[in-house]
Amino acid sequence: MKKTQACTALAAILIGTASLAAHAAPAADAALDTRLYVGGAIGRSSFSLSNAGGAPVPWGGQKNSKSGTAYKLYGGYRFTETFGVEAGYARLGRVSQWTSVRGLSTLQNGSGNVFYAAATARLPLGDSFALNGRLGISRGRLSGGDNGVPANQRISGSSTGVMAGFGAEYRMTKTLSVTADYDYFGKLSKQAKGGMLTVGLRANF
């Protein structure tokens, strides 16, 4: 998903939640969702790599990889039933790409990770279901061996940019919810962008 598409989807959630804020539940009920929370999730990452110096996979060589096992750990606070803040860390797993260096195919391997901070929006859909959205700033890094690859072709590096995410939650108990989310973190380096699709658990306090 491109950054503009993610931001558009999140903007729609924000507009929807803002329009429904006036119809929020009574203060006593809203207090149930106005609290500190922590969570964890696991899933698959997706990388987008520029093709600068890209090379075909040599016969018998390891294939290019643009996804891996990913997880995230996060915490946040809801100021109201609708709006809050969140910060977290995501590990995006490994990625690899063959690159042509002086006419020779060279395999680049890397591992992505991200720290982020975001404003959050939540749209309840009944007593147990809700949609959620995040919009904020991320600091990403793709680390790994460059194997003598020129700087303008390296997939490794770091970058700061806009992140956006959206998803859904199902509250199993007063304090425990199941979540399903997609988060797009933008650029991790000059040549790489990343995001992740996860399912997880969140605990409210």
Protein backbone atom coordinates (compact mmCIF):
# COMPACT_ATOMS: atom_id res chain seq x y z
CA MET A 1 0.00 0.00 0.00
CA LYS A 2 1.34 3.39 -0.97
CA LYS A 3 1.72 6.09 1.67
CA THR A 4 -0.94 8.26 0.02
CA GLN A 5 -3.46 5.40 0.04
CA ALA A 6 -2.78 4.63 3.70
CA CYS A 7 -3.14 8.30 4.67
CA THR A 8 -6.40 8.57 2.70
CA ALA A 9 -7.85 5.55 4.48
CA LEU A 10 -6.79 6.90 7.86
CA ALA A 11 -8.22 10.33 7.08
CA ALA A 12 -11.59 8.69 6.38
CA ILE A 13 -11.48 7.00 9.80
CA LEU A 14 -10.57 10.28 11.50
CA ILE A 15 -13.44 12.11 9.81
CA GLY A 16 -15.87 9.35 10.72
CA THR A 17 -14.84 9.23 14.35
CA ALA A 18 -14.97 13.01 14.66
CA SER A 19 -18.50 13.11 13.24
CA LEU A 20 -19.66 10.48 15.72
CA ALA A 21 -17.94 11.95 18.76
CA ALA A 22 -21.07 13.93 19.65
CA HIS A 23 -22.97 10.64 19.95
CA ALA A 24 -20.50 9.02 22.35
CA ALA A 25 -21.72 6.80 25.20
CA PRO A 26 -22.32 8.31 28.67
CA ALA A 27 -19.18 9.21 30.61
CA ALA A 28 -19.43 6.17 32.87
CA ASP A 29 -19.41 3.79 29.88
CA ALA A 30 -16.75 5.76 27.97
CA ALA A 31 -14.42 5.49 30.95
CA LEU A 32 -14.14 1.76 30.23
CA ASP A 33 -12.19 2.62 27.06
CA THR A 34 -10.22 5.59 28.41
CA ARG A 35 -7.10 4.01 29.79
CA LEU A 36 -3.52 2.91 29.40
CA TYR A 37 -2.92 -0.13 27.20
CA VAL A 38 -0.08 -2.34 25.98
CA GLY A 39 -0.04 -4.88 23.19
CA GLY A 40 1.90 -7.23 21.01
CA ALA A 41 1.29 -8.66 17.55
CA ILE A 42 2.91 -10.98 15.02
CA GLY A 43 2.50 -11.34 11.27
CA ARG A 44 4.19 -10.74 7.92
CA SER A 45 6.12 -7.76 6.66
CA SER A 46 6.13 -6.44 3.10
CA PHE A 47 9.08 -4.54 1.64
CA SER A 48 9.20 -2.34 -1.42
CA LEU A 49 12.71 -2.09 -2.88
CA SER A 50 13.89 0.22 -5.61
CA ASN A 51 15.46 -1.60 -8.53
CA ALA A 52 18.65 0.49 -8.55
CA GLY A 53 21.24 -1.85 -10.02
CA GLY A 54 18.84 -4.80 -9.78
CA ALA A 55 20.07 -8.07 -11.24
CA PRO A 56 18.40 -11.36 -12.18
CA VAL A 57 18.73 -14.24 -9.75
CA PRO A 58 21.75 -16.38 -10.75
CA TRP A 59 21.18 -20.04 -11.54
CA GLY A 60 20.92 -21.93 -8.27
CA GLY A 61 21.03 -18.72 -6.22
CA GLN A 62 18.85 -17.68 -3.32
CA LYS A 63 15.67 -15.96 -4.47
CA ASN A 64 14.93 -12.31 -3.78
CA SER A 65 12.78 -11.94 -0.67
CA LYS A 66 10.44 -9.02 0.01
CA SER A 67 8.59 -10.33 3.08
CA GLY A 68 9.41 -11.90 6.41
CA THR A 69 8.12 -12.76 9.86
CA ALA A 70 7.37 -9.53 11.74
CA TYR A 71 6.24 -8.48 15.19
CA LYS A 72 5.50 -5.29 17.11
CA LEU A 73 5.31 -4.22 20.74
CA TYR A 74 3.49 -1.03 21.67
CA GLY A 75 1.77 0.98 24.35
CA GLY A 76 -0.63 3.89 24.39
CA TYR A 77 -3.19 5.97 26.20
CA ARG A 78 -6.73 6.99 25.26
CA PHE A 79 -7.65 10.49 26.34
CA THR A 80 -11.25 9.81 25.29
CA GLU A 81 -13.08 6.83 23.87
CA THR A 82 -12.21 8.19 20.42
CA PHE A 83 -8.73 9.76 20.51
CA GLY A 84 -5.35 8.95 22.06
CA VAL A 85 -1.62 8.45 21.47
CA GLU A 86 0.56 5.40 20.88
CA ALA A 87 4.26 4.51 20.58
CA GLY A 88 5.91 1.26 19.64
CA TYR A 89 8.69 -0.82 18.15
CA ALA A 90 8.37 -3.11 15.13
CA ARG A 91 10.74 -5.75 13.83
CA LEU A 92 10.07 -6.34 10.13
CA GLY A 93 12.21 -9.40 9.49
CA ARG A 94 14.67 -10.04 6.70
CA VAL A 95 14.78 -8.91 3.09
CA SER A 96 17.17 -9.69 0.23
CA GLN A 97 17.84 -8.52 -3.31
CA TRP A 98 20.35 -9.32 -6.03
CA THR A 99 22.24 -6.30 -7.32
CA SER A 100 24.59 -5.89 -10.27
CA VAL A 101 27.99 -4.57 -9.16
CA ARG A 102 30.58 -4.12 -11.90
CA GLY A 103 28.78 -6.72 -13.99
CA LEU A 104 28.59 -9.30 -11.19
CA SER A 105 25.44 -10.32 -9.30
CA THR A 106 25.77 -9.60 -5.57
CA LEU A 107 23.19 -10.58 -2.96
CA GLN A 108 22.25 -7.91 -0.41
CA ASN A 109 20.63 -9.03 2.84
CA GLY A 110 19.04 -6.78 5.42
CA SER A 111 16.81 -6.71 8.49
CA GLY A 112 14.30 -3.92 9.14
CA ASN A 113 13.17 -2.33 12.39
CA VAL A 114 11.13 0.76 13.25
CA PHE A 115 10.29 2.99 16.20
CA TYR A 116 7.11 5.06 15.87
CA ALA A 117 4.88 7.54 17.71
CA ALA A 118 1.36 8.30 16.53
CA ALA A 119 -1.97 9.90 17.28
CA THR A 120 -4.80 7.36 17.33
CA ALA A 121 -8.49 7.35 16.45
CA ARG A 122 -11.08 4.73 17.35
CA LEU A 123 -14.60 4.12 16.00
CA PRO A 124 -16.72 1.74 18.16
CA LEU A 125 -19.08 -0.57 16.28
CA GLY A 126 -21.19 -1.92 19.12
CA ASP A 127 -20.06 -3.18 22.49
CA SER A 128 -17.22 -5.45 21.30
CA PHE A 129 -16.03 -4.36 17.84
CA ALA A 130 -14.15 -1.20 16.86
CA LEU A 131 -12.11 0.20 13.99
CA ASN A 132 -8.87 2.02 14.74
CA GLY A 133 -6.38 4.24 12.95
CA ARG A 134 -2.91 5.66 13.55
CA LEU A 135 -1.04 8.57 11.99
CA GLY A 136 2.39 9.66 13.15
CA ILE A 137 6.15 9.63 12.67
CA SER A 138 8.45 6.64 12.24
CA ARG A 139 12.19 6.17 12.41
CA GLY A 140 13.16 3.15 10.36
CA ARG A 141 16.39 1.32 9.70
CA LEU A 142 17.42 -1.47 7.37
CA SER A 143 20.68 -3.01 8.53
CA GLY A 144 22.83 -5.67 6.90
CA GLY A 145 25.93 -6.44 4.88
CA ASP A 146 26.39 -4.46 1.68
CA ASN A 147 29.08 -6.71 0.18
CA GLY A 148 30.87 -3.86 -1.54
CA VAL A 149 27.71 -2.47 -3.16
CA PRO A 150 27.99 1.24 -4.13
CA ALA A 151 26.20 3.65 -1.78
CA ASN A 152 23.54 4.60 -4.34
CA GLN A 153 22.51 0.93 -4.71
CA ARG A 154 22.56 -0.20 -1.06
CA ILE A 155 19.30 -1.30 0.49
CA SER A 156 20.67 -0.63 3.99
CA GLY A 157 20.36 2.74 5.72
CA SER A 158 17.91 4.69 7.88
CA SER A 159 15.16 7.24 7.36
CA THR A 160 12.48 9.26 9.18
CA GLY A 161 9.03 9.69 7.72
CA VAL A 162 5.26 9.54 8.08
CA MET A 163 3.62 6.29 9.22
CA ALA A 164 -0.03 5.33 8.94
CA GLY A 165 -1.98 2.34 10.15
CA PHE A 166 -5.50 1.01 10.47
CA GLY A 167 -7.22 -2.10 11.72
CA ALA A 168 -9.94 -3.65 13.84
CA GLU A 169 -10.31 -4.99 17.35
CA TYR A 170 -12.61 -7.39 19.15
CA ARG A 171 -12.92 -7.07 22.91
CA MET A 172 -13.09 -10.54 24.50
CA THR A 173 -13.19 -9.27 28.07
CA LYS A 174 -13.23 -5.87 29.79
CA THR A 175 -9.40 -5.76 29.68
CA LEU A 176 -8.33 -8.02 26.77
CA SER A 177 -8.84 -7.54 23.01
CA VAL A 178 -7.82 -9.34 19.81
CA THR A 179 -6.46 -7.03 17.10
CA ALA A 180 -5.80 -7.18 13.36
CA ASP A 181 -3.77 -4.29 11.88
CA TYR A 182 -1.88 -3.03 8.86
CA ASP A 183 0.89 -0.49 9.46
CA TYR A 184 2.83 1.33 6.77
CA PHE A 185 6.12 2.85 7.93
CA GLY A 186 7.31 4.51 4.74
CA LYS A 187 11.03 4.67 4.01
CA LEU A 188 13.39 2.51 6.06
CA SER A 189 16.33 3.58 3.91
CA LYS A 190 16.94 5.34 0.60
CA GLN A 191 16.13 2.18 -1.35
CA ALA A 192 13.55 0.45 0.86
CA LYS A 193 10.04 0.99 2.25
CA GLY A 194 8.20 -1.31 4.60
CA GLY A 195 4.93 -2.25 6.23
CA MET A 196 3.38 -5.13 8.14
CA LEU A 197 0.10 -7.05 8.53
CA THR A 198 -0.40 -8.50 12.01
CA VAL A 199 -2.76 -10.10 14.49
CA GLY A 200 -2.25 -9.78 18.22
CA LEU A 201 -3.50 -9.14 21.73
CA ARG A 202 -3.93 -5.89 23.63
CA ALA A 203 -4.44 -5.45 27.38
CA ASN A 204 -6.16 -2.39 28.89
CA PHE A 205 -5.49 -1.17 32.43
